[in-house]
Amino acid sequence: MRHSEFWELMDRHLGRGYARVWADSHVMSILGGRTATEALDAGEDPKTVWRAVHATRGLPASER
C-alpha cells in the first residue's frame, strides 16, 4: 500500500477534513503508543498503519 492509498482510505472513512486531525492526535497502543502520522513518519508500512486504524475504528472486514 502506498501512502496515497492510505490517505484515500482515511479520507473515505473519516472525512477529508477530519482524517488528518485524527491521524495526528489519536494514539494507538497497536502502533506502540504512536499516532498514525508518527508511525508513518517513522517508516512504518502504510498497510500496517491502516490495519491499526481499521482495528481501532472497528471498521468492517470488507474495508481491510
N, C-alpha and C. Protein backbone atom coordinates (compact mmCIF):
# COMPACT_ATOMS: atom_id res chain seq x y z
N MET A 1 0.85 -1.18 0.00
CA MET A 1 0.00 0.00 0.00
C MET A 1 0.89 1.24 0.00
N ARG A 2 0.52 2.19 -0.83
CA ARG A 2 1.24 3.46 -0.88
C ARG A 2 0.65 4.43 0.14
N HIS A 3 1.41 5.44 0.46
CA HIS A 3 0.93 6.48 1.38
C HIS A 3 -0.34 7.13 0.83
N SER A 4 -0.37 7.35 -0.47
CA SER A 4 -1.55 7.99 -1.08
C SER A 4 -2.80 7.11 -0.91
N GLU A 5 -2.64 5.80 -1.02
CA GLU A 5 -3.77 4.89 -0.81
C GLU A 5 -4.24 4.94 0.65
N PHE A 6 -3.28 4.99 1.56
CA PHE A 6 -3.62 5.09 2.98
C PHE A 6 -4.49 6.33 3.22
N TRP A 7 -4.04 7.48 2.69
CA TRP A 7 -4.78 8.72 2.93
C TRP A 7 -6.13 8.72 2.22
N GLU A 8 -6.25 8.05 1.10
CA GLU A 8 -7.56 7.93 0.43
C GLU A 8 -8.53 7.15 1.31
N LEU A 9 -8.05 6.06 1.91
CA LEU A 9 -8.89 5.29 2.81
C LEU A 9 -9.27 6.10 4.05
N MET A 10 -8.31 6.82 4.59
CA MET A 10 -8.59 7.65 5.76
C MET A 10 -9.66 8.69 5.42
N ASP A 11 -9.50 9.36 4.28
CA ASP A 11 -10.48 10.38 3.87
C ASP A 11 -11.86 9.76 3.67
N ARG A 12 -11.90 8.58 3.08
CA ARG A 12 -13.18 7.92 2.82
C ARG A 12 -13.91 7.57 4.12
N HIS A 13 -13.17 7.13 5.12
CA HIS A 13 -13.80 6.65 6.35
C HIS A 13 -13.96 7.70 7.43
N LEU A 14 -13.12 8.70 7.44
CA LEU A 14 -13.21 9.71 8.49
C LEU A 14 -13.59 11.09 7.97
N GLY A 15 -13.59 11.23 6.66
CA GLY A 15 -13.88 12.54 6.08
C GLY A 15 -12.59 13.29 5.81
N ARG A 16 -12.58 14.00 4.72
CA ARG A 16 -11.35 14.69 4.29
C ARG A 16 -10.82 15.65 5.35
N GLY A 17 -11.67 16.39 5.99
CA GLY A 17 -11.22 17.37 6.98
C GLY A 17 -10.77 16.76 8.29
N TYR A 18 -11.37 15.63 8.67
CA TYR A 18 -11.10 15.04 9.98
C TYR A 18 -9.99 13.99 9.94
N ALA A 19 -9.74 13.39 8.79
CA ALA A 19 -8.78 12.28 8.71
C ALA A 19 -7.40 12.68 9.22
N ARG A 20 -6.90 13.82 8.80
CA ARG A 20 -5.56 14.26 9.22
C ARG A 20 -5.53 14.62 10.69
N VAL A 21 -6.60 15.24 11.16
CA VAL A 21 -6.67 15.60 12.59
C VAL A 21 -6.62 14.33 13.43
N TRP A 22 -7.43 13.35 13.06
CA TRP A 22 -7.48 12.09 13.79
C TRP A 22 -6.12 11.40 13.74
N ALA A 23 -5.51 11.34 12.55
CA ALA A 23 -4.22 10.67 12.38
C ALA A 23 -3.11 11.35 13.19
N ASP A 24 -3.23 12.65 13.38
CA ASP A 24 -2.23 13.41 14.14
C ASP A 24 -2.44 13.35 15.64
N SER A 25 -3.64 12.99 16.08
CA SER A 25 -3.94 13.11 17.51
C SER A 25 -4.31 11.81 18.23
N HIS A 26 -4.76 10.80 17.52
CA HIS A 26 -5.22 9.58 18.18
C HIS A 26 -4.05 8.60 18.37
N VAL A 27 -3.66 8.39 19.61
CA VAL A 27 -2.57 7.48 19.94
C VAL A 27 -3.12 6.06 20.00
N MET A 28 -2.42 5.14 19.34
CA MET A 28 -2.86 3.74 19.31
C MET A 28 -1.80 2.83 19.93
N SER A 29 -2.22 2.02 20.88
CA SER A 29 -1.29 1.09 21.51
C SER A 29 -0.78 0.07 20.49
N ILE A 30 -1.60 -0.26 19.51
CA ILE A 30 -1.20 -1.20 18.46
C ILE A 30 0.04 -0.70 17.73
N LEU A 31 0.21 0.59 17.68
CA LEU A 31 1.37 1.19 17.00
C LEU A 31 2.45 1.62 17.98
N GLY A 32 2.45 1.00 19.14
CA GLY A 32 3.49 1.30 20.13
C GLY A 32 3.32 2.65 20.80
N GLY A 33 2.06 3.07 20.96
CA GLY A 33 1.79 4.34 21.61
C GLY A 33 2.06 5.53 20.72
N ARG A 34 1.93 5.32 19.41
CA ARG A 34 2.13 6.41 18.45
C ARG A 34 0.83 6.69 17.71
N THR A 35 0.78 7.86 17.12
CA THR A 35 -0.33 8.18 16.23
C THR A 35 -0.03 7.58 14.86
N ALA A 36 -1.03 7.57 13.99
CA ALA A 36 -0.81 7.08 12.62
C ALA A 36 0.26 7.91 11.92
N THR A 37 0.20 9.21 12.09
CA THR A 37 1.17 10.09 11.46
C THR A 37 2.58 9.82 11.98
N GLU A 38 2.72 9.66 13.27
CA GLU A 38 4.03 9.36 13.84
C GLU A 38 4.57 8.03 13.31
N ALA A 39 3.70 7.04 13.22
CA ALA A 39 4.13 5.73 12.73
C ALA A 39 4.58 5.82 11.27
N LEU A 40 3.81 6.53 10.45
CA LEU A 40 4.19 6.69 9.05
C LEU A 40 5.51 7.46 8.93
N ASP A 41 5.65 8.52 9.70
CA ASP A 41 6.87 9.32 9.66
C ASP A 41 8.09 8.51 10.11
N ALA A 42 7.87 7.52 10.97
CA ALA A 42 8.96 6.68 11.46
C ALA A 42 9.29 5.55 10.48
N GLY A 43 8.55 5.49 9.36
CA GLY A 43 8.84 4.48 8.35
C GLY A 43 7.99 3.23 8.41
N GLU A 44 6.98 3.23 9.27
CA GLU A 44 6.08 2.08 9.35
C GLU A 44 5.35 1.93 8.02
N ASP A 45 5.14 0.69 7.60
CA ASP A 45 4.44 0.40 6.36
C ASP A 45 3.00 0.94 6.44
N PRO A 46 2.55 1.68 5.44
CA PRO A 46 1.19 2.22 5.46
C PRO A 46 0.11 1.15 5.65
N LYS A 47 0.34 -0.04 5.14
CA LYS A 47 -0.65 -1.13 5.31
C LYS A 47 -0.76 -1.52 6.79
N THR A 48 0.36 -1.56 7.47
CA THR A 48 0.36 -1.86 8.90
C THR A 48 -0.39 -0.78 9.67
N VAL A 49 -0.14 0.46 9.30
CA VAL A 49 -0.82 1.57 9.97
C VAL A 49 -2.31 1.52 9.66
N TRP A 50 -2.67 1.23 8.41
CA TRP A 50 -4.09 1.13 8.07
C TRP A 50 -4.77 0.02 8.87
N ARG A 51 -4.11 -1.11 9.03
CA ARG A 51 -4.70 -2.20 9.82
C ARG A 51 -4.93 -1.78 11.26
N ALA A 52 -4.02 -0.98 11.80
CA ALA A 52 -4.19 -0.47 13.16
C ALA A 52 -5.38 0.48 13.23
N VAL A 53 -5.49 1.37 12.25
CA VAL A 53 -6.64 2.29 12.20
C VAL A 53 -7.93 1.49 12.06
N HIS A 54 -7.92 0.52 11.17
CA HIS A 54 -9.08 -0.32 10.91
C HIS A 54 -9.56 -1.00 12.19
N ALA A 55 -8.62 -1.59 12.92
CA ALA A 55 -8.97 -2.28 14.17
C ALA A 55 -9.46 -1.29 15.23
N THR A 56 -8.80 -0.17 15.36
CA THR A 56 -9.16 0.83 16.36
C THR A 56 -10.54 1.41 16.10
N ARG A 57 -10.83 1.67 14.84
CA ARG A 57 -12.12 2.27 14.47
C ARG A 57 -13.23 1.24 14.36
N GLY A 58 -12.91 -0.05 14.37
CA GLY A 58 -13.91 -1.09 14.25
C GLY A 58 -14.60 -1.09 12.88
N LEU A 59 -13.82 -0.88 11.85
CA LEU A 59 -14.38 -0.82 10.50
C LEU A 59 -14.72 -2.22 10.01
N PRO A 60 -15.61 -2.34 9.02
CA PRO A 60 -16.00 -3.65 8.51
C PRO A 60 -14.81 -4.41 7.90
N ALA A 61 -14.86 -5.72 7.98
CA ALA A 61 -13.79 -6.56 7.44
C ALA A 61 -13.58 -6.31 5.96
N SER A 62 -14.63 -5.96 5.26
CA SER A 62 -14.52 -5.71 3.81
C SER A 62 -13.64 -4.51 3.50
N GLU A 63 -13.38 -3.67 4.49
CA GLU A 63 -12.57 -2.47 4.30
C GLU A 63 -11.11 -2.67 4.71
N ARG A 64 -10.74 -3.88 5.05
CA ARG A 64 -9.39 -4.15 5.49
C ARG A 64 -8.47 -4.11 4.31
